[in-house]
Amino acid sequence: MDVDTVLGAADPSVRQLAQGVREVIRRSCPELDEVVKWGAPNYTLGGRLVACIMVYDDHVNLGFFQGAKLKSARLEGTGKGLRHVKVRRATDIDEKEFRRLLKAATKLAAKQSPSRVNK
């Protein structure tokens, strides 16, 4: 299964949000590989998880696997590592902030060795 298939199955309004987030990721960090893991689009660097797009019924989350190490007023979550930015409408897609977070997350991933689950 590829990302186009995964996003194609989403409700059209949410699909549009997910495609907008996807475009920002691809423009910001073209070096990231786009793969489907756990039924969702994931972005990796040399097998290391960097970010993901999680599609819900009424919104999309841009998730960062090392988000707890990132700083942004937009980040939500309380887990050990993962943080996300909730996107409910197109105006929530802040390309400048998303690019900054993606670049920082990519740098963090580059410093880590790939784990077995990421291969």
C-alpha atoms as a PDB file:
ATOM      1  CA  MET A   1       0.000   0.000   0.000  1.00  0.00           C
ATOM      2  CA  ASP A   2       1.277   3.471  -0.820  1.00  0.00           C
ATOM      3  CA  VAL A   3       0.553   6.925   0.618  1.00  0.00           C
ATOM      4  CA  ASP A   4      -1.752   7.907  -2.252  1.00  0.00           C
ATOM      5  CA  THR A   5      -3.923   4.863  -1.513  1.00  0.00           C
ATOM      6  CA  VAL A   6      -4.003   5.576   2.230  1.00  0.00           C
ATOM      7  CA  LEU A   7      -4.946   9.222   1.765  1.00  0.00           C
ATOM      8  CA  GLY A   8      -7.373   8.375  -1.051  1.00  0.00           C
ATOM      9  CA  ALA A   9      -9.457   6.377   1.403  1.00  0.00           C
ATOM     10  CA  ALA A  10      -9.994   9.388   3.683  1.00  0.00           C
ATOM     11  CA  ASP A  11     -13.029  11.665   3.634  1.00  0.00           C
ATOM     12  CA  PRO A  12     -12.423  14.355   0.952  1.00  0.00           C
ATOM     13  CA  SER A  13     -12.269  17.293   3.394  1.00  0.00           C
ATOM     14  CA  VAL A  14      -9.737  15.543   5.622  1.00  0.00           C
ATOM     15  CA  ARG A  15      -7.861  14.196   2.590  1.00  0.00           C
ATOM     16  CA  GLN A  16      -7.317  17.777   1.434  1.00  0.00           C
ATOM     17  CA  LEU A  17      -5.790  18.677   4.825  1.00  0.00           C
ATOM     18  CA  ALA A  18      -3.564  15.589   4.760  1.00  0.00           C
ATOM     19  CA  GLN A  19      -2.404  16.395   1.225  1.00  0.00           C
ATOM     20  CA  GLY A  20      -1.577  19.946   2.329  1.00  0.00           C
ATOM     21  CA  VAL A  21       0.529  18.663   5.224  1.00  0.00           C
ATOM     22  CA  ARG A  22       2.167  16.105   2.923  1.00  0.00           C
ATOM     23  CA  GLU A  23       3.139  18.823   0.458  1.00  0.00           C
ATOM     24  CA  VAL A  24       4.766  20.871   3.229  1.00  0.00           C
ATOM     25  CA  ILE A  25       6.755  17.829   4.383  1.00  0.00           C
ATOM     26  CA  ARG A  26       7.926  17.034   0.859  1.00  0.00           C
ATOM     27  CA  ARG A  27       8.939  20.642   0.132  1.00  0.00           C
ATOM     28  CA  SER A  28      10.611  21.116   3.513  1.00  0.00           C
ATOM     29  CA  CYS A  29      12.562  17.864   3.707  1.00  0.00           C
ATOM     30  CA  PRO A  30      12.855  16.183   0.292  1.00  0.00           C
ATOM     31  CA  GLU A  31      15.548  13.907   1.733  1.00  0.00           C
ATOM     32  CA  LEU A  32      12.945  12.034   3.799  1.00  0.00           C
ATOM     33  CA  ASP A  33      11.569   8.737   2.528  1.00  0.00           C
ATOM     34  CA  GLU A  34       7.792   8.438   2.447  1.00  0.00           C
ATOM     35  CA  VAL A  35       6.502   5.037   3.603  1.00  0.00           C
ATOM     36  CA  VAL A  36       3.322   3.545   4.994  1.00  0.00           C
ATOM     37  CA  LYS A  37       3.726   2.127   8.496  1.00  0.00           C
ATOM     38  CA  TRP A  38       0.896   1.211  10.823  1.00  0.00           C
ATOM     39  CA  GLY A  39      -1.591   2.259   8.139  1.00  0.00           C
ATOM     40  CA  ALA A  40      -0.358   5.872   8.041  1.00  0.00           C
ATOM     41  CA  PRO A  41       2.097   7.950   6.008  1.00  0.00           C
ATOM     42  CA  ASN A  42       5.452   8.077   7.794  1.00  0.00           C
ATOM     43  CA  TYR A  43       8.600   9.993   6.930  1.00  0.00           C
ATOM     44  CA  THR A  44      11.991   8.472   7.630  1.00  0.00           C
ATOM     45  CA  LEU A  45      15.658   9.333   7.303  1.00  0.00           C
ATOM     46  CA  GLY A  46      17.856   6.288   6.756  1.00  0.00           C
ATOM     47  CA  GLY A  47      15.285   4.095   8.503  1.00  0.00           C
ATOM     48  CA  ARG A  48      14.845   6.503  11.423  1.00  0.00           C
ATOM     49  CA  LEU A  49      11.294   7.709  12.090  1.00  0.00           C
ATOM     50  CA  VAL A  50      10.959  11.476  11.815  1.00  0.00           C
ATOM     51  CA  ALA A  51       7.299  12.401  11.293  1.00  0.00           C
ATOM     52  CA  CYS A  52       3.908  11.000  10.358  1.00  0.00           C
ATOM     53  CA  ILE A  53       0.492  12.089   9.178  1.00  0.00           C
ATOM     54  CA  MET A  54      -2.382  10.669  11.195  1.00  0.00           C
ATOM     55  CA  VAL A  55      -5.798  11.004   9.570  1.00  0.00           C
ATOM     56  CA  TYR A  56      -8.912  11.167  11.756  1.00  0.00           C
ATOM     57  CA  ASP A  57     -12.590  11.763  10.956  1.00  0.00           C
ATOM     58  CA  ASP A  58     -12.460  15.526  11.469  1.00  0.00           C
ATOM     59  CA  HIS A  59      -8.765  16.467  11.537  1.00  0.00           C
ATOM     60  CA  VAL A  60      -5.205  15.480  10.701  1.00  0.00           C
ATOM     61  CA  ASN A  61      -2.237  15.322  13.049  1.00  0.00           C
ATOM     62  CA  LEU A  62       1.307  16.034  11.963  1.00  0.00           C
ATOM     63  CA  GLY A  63       3.215  13.844  14.399  1.00  0.00           C
ATOM     64  CA  PHE A  64       6.872  14.037  15.395  1.00  0.00           C
ATOM     65  CA  PHE A  65       8.423  10.897  16.856  1.00  0.00           C
ATOM     66  CA  GLN A  66      10.913  12.900  18.932  1.00  0.00           C
ATOM     67  CA  GLY A  67       8.470  15.736  19.475  1.00  0.00           C
ATOM     68  CA  ALA A  68       9.111  15.881  23.217  1.00  0.00           C
ATOM     69  CA  LYS A  69      12.539  17.288  22.329  1.00  0.00           C
ATOM     70  CA  LEU A  70      11.071  20.003  20.092  1.00  0.00           C
ATOM     71  CA  LYS A  71       9.808  23.405  21.200  1.00  0.00           C
ATOM     72  CA  SER A  72       6.637  24.926  19.771  1.00  0.00           C
ATOM     73  CA  ALA A  73       3.410  26.330  21.148  1.00  0.00           C
ATOM     74  CA  ARG A  74       1.643  24.288  18.443  1.00  0.00           C
ATOM     75  CA  LEU A  75       2.800  20.891  19.744  1.00  0.00           C
ATOM     76  CA  GLU A  76       0.354  18.806  21.766  1.00  0.00           C
ATOM     77  CA  GLY A  77       0.700  15.536  23.635  1.00  0.00           C
ATOM     78  CA  THR A  78       2.053  14.145  26.854  1.00  0.00           C
ATOM     79  CA  GLY A  79       3.710  10.901  25.807  1.00  0.00           C
ATOM     80  CA  LYS A  80       7.314   9.951  26.333  1.00  0.00           C
ATOM     81  CA  GLY A  81       8.359  11.036  22.836  1.00  0.00           C
ATOM     82  CA  LEU A  82       5.595  11.674  20.320  1.00  0.00           C
ATOM     83  CA  ARG A  83       4.057  15.129  19.942  1.00  0.00           C
ATOM     84  CA  HIS A  84       1.693  16.364  17.255  1.00  0.00           C
ATOM     85  CA  VAL A  85       0.197  19.456  15.688  1.00  0.00           C
ATOM     86  CA  LYS A  86      -3.562  19.254  15.113  1.00  0.00           C
ATOM     87  CA  VAL A  87      -4.791  20.478  11.718  1.00  0.00           C
ATOM     88  CA  ARG A  88      -8.559  21.057  11.570  1.00  0.00           C
ATOM     89  CA  ARG A  89      -8.666  23.481   8.626  1.00  0.00           C
ATOM     90  CA  ALA A  90      -6.332  24.626   5.868  1.00  0.00           C
ATOM     91  CA  THR A  91      -5.425  27.791   7.791  1.00  0.00           C
ATOM     92  CA  ASP A  92      -3.903  25.575  10.515  1.00  0.00           C
ATOM     93  CA  ILE A  93      -1.154  24.565   8.071  1.00  0.00           C
ATOM     94  CA  ASP A  94       1.628  26.956   9.044  1.00  0.00           C
ATOM     95  CA  GLU A  95       4.302  26.135   6.476  1.00  0.00           C
ATOM     96  CA  LYS A  96       7.016  28.198   8.160  1.00  0.00           C
ATOM     97  CA  GLU A  97       6.480  26.593  11.588  1.00  0.00           C
ATOM     98  CA  PHE A  98       6.011  23.098  10.146  1.00  0.00           C
ATOM     99  CA  ARG A  99       9.246  23.480   8.140  1.00  0.00           C
ATOM    100  CA  ARG A 100      11.124  24.589  11.251  1.00  0.00           C
ATOM    101  CA  LEU A 101       9.822  21.605  13.232  1.00  0.00           C
ATOM    102  CA  LEU A 102      10.509  19.162  10.392  1.00  0.00           C
ATOM    103  CA  LYS A 103      14.089  20.389   9.979  1.00  0.00           C
ATOM    104  CA  ALA A 104      14.713  20.117  13.732  1.00  0.00           C
ATOM    105  CA  ALA A 105      13.137  16.632  13.863  1.00  0.00           C
ATOM    106  CA  THR A 106      15.246  15.508  10.908  1.00  0.00           C
ATOM    107  CA  LYS A 107      18.425  16.702  12.650  1.00  0.00           C
ATOM    108  CA  LEU A 108      17.464  14.758  15.789  1.00  0.00           C
ATOM    109  CA  ALA A 109      16.814  11.620  13.733  1.00  0.00           C
ATOM    110  CA  ALA A 110      20.153  11.945  11.930  1.00  0.00           C
ATOM    111  CA  LYS A 111      21.939  11.697  15.293  1.00  0.00           C
ATOM    112  CA  GLN A 112      20.278   8.398  16.227  1.00  0.00           C
ATOM    113  CA  SER A 113      21.026   4.920  15.012  1.00  0.00           C
ATOM    114  CA  PRO A 114      18.081   3.157  13.363  1.00  0.00           C
ATOM    115  CA  SER A 115      16.094   0.875  15.661  1.00  0.00           C
ATOM    116  CA  ARG A 116      14.929  -2.550  14.603  1.00  0.00           C
ATOM    117  CA  VAL A 117      11.290  -1.453  14.333  1.00  0.00           C
ATOM    118  CA  ASN A 118      12.212   1.226  11.781  1.00  0.00           C
ATOM    119  CA  LYS A 119      13.822  -1.134   9.274  1.00  0.00           C
END
